[in-house]
Amino acid sequence: MEHHMISLRLLVFTLLLCLCAGTLQAIAWEVNEADGSTTTCASSEQ
């Protein structure tokens, strides 16, 4: 029974991780789309 609980927690953790990663990627993509020139300027300066 305990193994099942650990498995369930791992599943929930993985789902949350994927959700967070997807949200962050979407936000980063939107920012990049809206203001791509500033990003390239900053990266080329460094």
N, C-alpha and C. Protein backbone atom coordinates (compact mmCIF):
# COMPACT_ATOMS: atom_id res chain seq x y z
N MET A 1 0.83 -1.20 0.00
CA MET A 1 0.00 0.00 0.00
C MET A 1 0.87 1.26 0.00
N GLU A 2 2.00 1.19 0.71
CA GLU A 2 2.87 2.35 0.79
C GLU A 2 3.53 2.63 -0.56
N HIS A 3 3.87 1.56 -1.27
CA HIS A 3 4.49 1.72 -2.59
C HIS A 3 3.53 2.44 -3.53
N HIS A 4 2.24 2.16 -3.40
CA HIS A 4 1.23 2.80 -4.25
C HIS A 4 1.17 4.30 -3.98
N MET A 5 1.28 4.67 -2.71
CA MET A 5 1.25 6.09 -2.35
C MET A 5 2.45 6.82 -2.93
N ILE A 6 3.63 6.21 -2.84
CA ILE A 6 4.85 6.81 -3.38
C ILE A 6 4.70 6.99 -4.89
N SER A 7 4.14 5.98 -5.54
CA SER A 7 3.94 6.03 -6.99
C SER A 7 2.99 7.17 -7.35
N LEU A 8 1.93 7.32 -6.56
CA LEU A 8 0.95 8.37 -6.81
C LEU A 8 1.58 9.74 -6.64
N ARG A 9 2.38 9.90 -5.60
CA ARG A 9 3.04 11.19 -5.36
C ARG A 9 4.00 11.52 -6.51
N LEU A 10 4.71 10.52 -6.99
CA LEU A 10 5.64 10.72 -8.10
C LEU A 10 4.89 11.16 -9.35
N LEU A 11 3.72 10.56 -9.58
CA LEU A 11 2.91 10.91 -10.74
C LEU A 11 2.44 12.36 -10.65
N VAL A 12 1.94 12.76 -9.48
CA VAL A 12 1.47 14.13 -9.28
C VAL A 12 2.63 15.11 -9.43
N PHE A 13 3.78 14.76 -8.86
CA PHE A 13 4.96 15.62 -8.93
C PHE A 13 5.39 15.83 -10.39
N THR A 14 5.37 14.73 -11.16
CA THR A 14 5.76 14.82 -12.57
C THR A 14 4.79 15.71 -13.34
N LEU A 15 3.49 15.55 -13.07
CA LEU A 15 2.49 16.36 -13.76
C LEU A 15 2.67 17.83 -13.43
N LEU A 16 2.90 18.14 -12.16
CA LEU A 16 3.11 19.53 -11.76
C LEU A 16 4.36 20.10 -12.41
N LEU A 17 5.40 19.30 -12.47
CA LEU A 17 6.66 19.74 -13.07
C LEU A 17 6.46 20.07 -14.55
N CYS A 18 5.74 19.19 -15.25
CA CYS A 18 5.46 19.43 -16.67
C CYS A 18 4.62 20.68 -16.85
N LEU A 19 3.64 20.87 -15.97
CA LEU A 19 2.77 22.04 -16.06
C LEU A 19 3.56 23.32 -15.85
N CYS A 20 4.42 23.31 -14.84
CA CYS A 20 5.25 24.50 -14.56
C CYS A 20 6.19 24.78 -15.72
N ALA A 21 6.82 23.75 -16.24
CA ALA A 21 7.75 23.92 -17.36
C ALA A 21 7.04 24.47 -18.58
N GLY A 22 5.85 23.95 -18.85
CA GLY A 22 5.07 24.41 -19.99
C GLY A 22 4.67 25.87 -19.85
N THR A 23 4.26 26.25 -18.63
CA THR A 23 3.85 27.63 -18.39
C THR A 23 5.03 28.57 -18.54
N LEU A 24 6.16 28.20 -17.96
CA LEU A 24 7.36 29.05 -18.06
C LEU A 24 7.80 29.20 -19.50
N GLN A 25 7.73 28.10 -20.26
CA GLN A 25 8.14 28.14 -21.66
C GLN A 25 7.21 29.05 -22.45
N ALA A 26 5.91 28.97 -22.17
CA ALA A 26 4.94 29.80 -22.87
C ALA A 26 5.17 31.28 -22.57
N ILE A 27 5.45 31.59 -21.29
CA ILE A 27 5.71 32.98 -20.89
C ILE A 27 6.98 33.48 -21.57
N ALA A 28 8.03 32.69 -21.53
CA ALA A 28 9.30 33.09 -22.14
C ALA A 28 9.13 33.29 -23.64
N TRP A 29 8.34 32.42 -24.27
CA TRP A 29 8.13 32.53 -25.71
C TRP A 29 7.37 33.81 -26.05
N GLU A 30 6.35 34.13 -25.24
CA GLU A 30 5.56 35.34 -25.47
C GLU A 30 6.43 36.58 -25.31
N VAL A 31 7.26 36.60 -24.27
CA VAL A 31 8.15 37.74 -24.04
C VAL A 31 9.13 37.86 -25.19
N ASN A 32 9.66 36.74 -25.63
CA ASN A 32 10.62 36.74 -26.74
C ASN A 32 9.96 37.24 -28.02
N GLU A 33 8.72 36.84 -28.25
CA GLU A 33 8.00 37.27 -29.45
C GLU A 33 7.72 38.76 -29.40
N ALA A 34 7.34 39.25 -28.22
CA ALA A 34 6.96 40.65 -28.07
C ALA A 34 8.17 41.57 -28.14
N ASP A 35 9.31 41.12 -27.60
CA ASP A 35 10.48 41.99 -27.51
C ASP A 35 11.75 41.21 -27.84
N GLY A 36 11.84 40.70 -29.03
CA GLY A 36 12.98 39.87 -29.41
C GLY A 36 14.24 40.68 -29.64
N SER A 37 14.10 41.92 -30.12
CA SER A 37 15.28 42.73 -30.46
C SER A 37 16.10 43.06 -29.22
N THR A 38 15.41 43.34 -28.10
CA THR A 38 16.11 43.68 -26.87
C THR A 38 16.90 42.47 -26.36
N THR A 39 16.32 41.30 -26.49
CA THR A 39 16.98 40.09 -26.02
C THR A 39 18.26 39.83 -26.81
N THR A 40 18.20 39.99 -28.12
CA THR A 40 19.38 39.75 -28.95
C THR A 40 20.45 40.78 -28.65
N CYS A 41 20.04 42.02 -28.42
CA CYS A 41 20.99 43.09 -28.10
C CYS A 41 21.74 42.74 -26.80
N ALA A 42 20.98 42.34 -25.79
CA ALA A 42 21.59 42.06 -24.49
C ALA A 42 22.52 40.85 -24.58
N SER A 43 22.12 39.83 -25.32
CA SER A 43 22.95 38.62 -25.39
C SER A 43 24.22 38.86 -26.20
N SER A 44 24.16 39.71 -27.21
CA SER A 44 25.34 39.97 -28.03
C SER A 44 26.34 40.86 -27.29
N GLU A 45 25.83 41.69 -26.39
CA GLU A 45 26.72 42.59 -25.62
C GLU A 45 27.60 41.80 -24.66
N GLN A 46 27.04 40.74 -24.07
CA GLN A 46 27.79 39.98 -23.07
C GLN A 46 28.91 39.19 -23.71
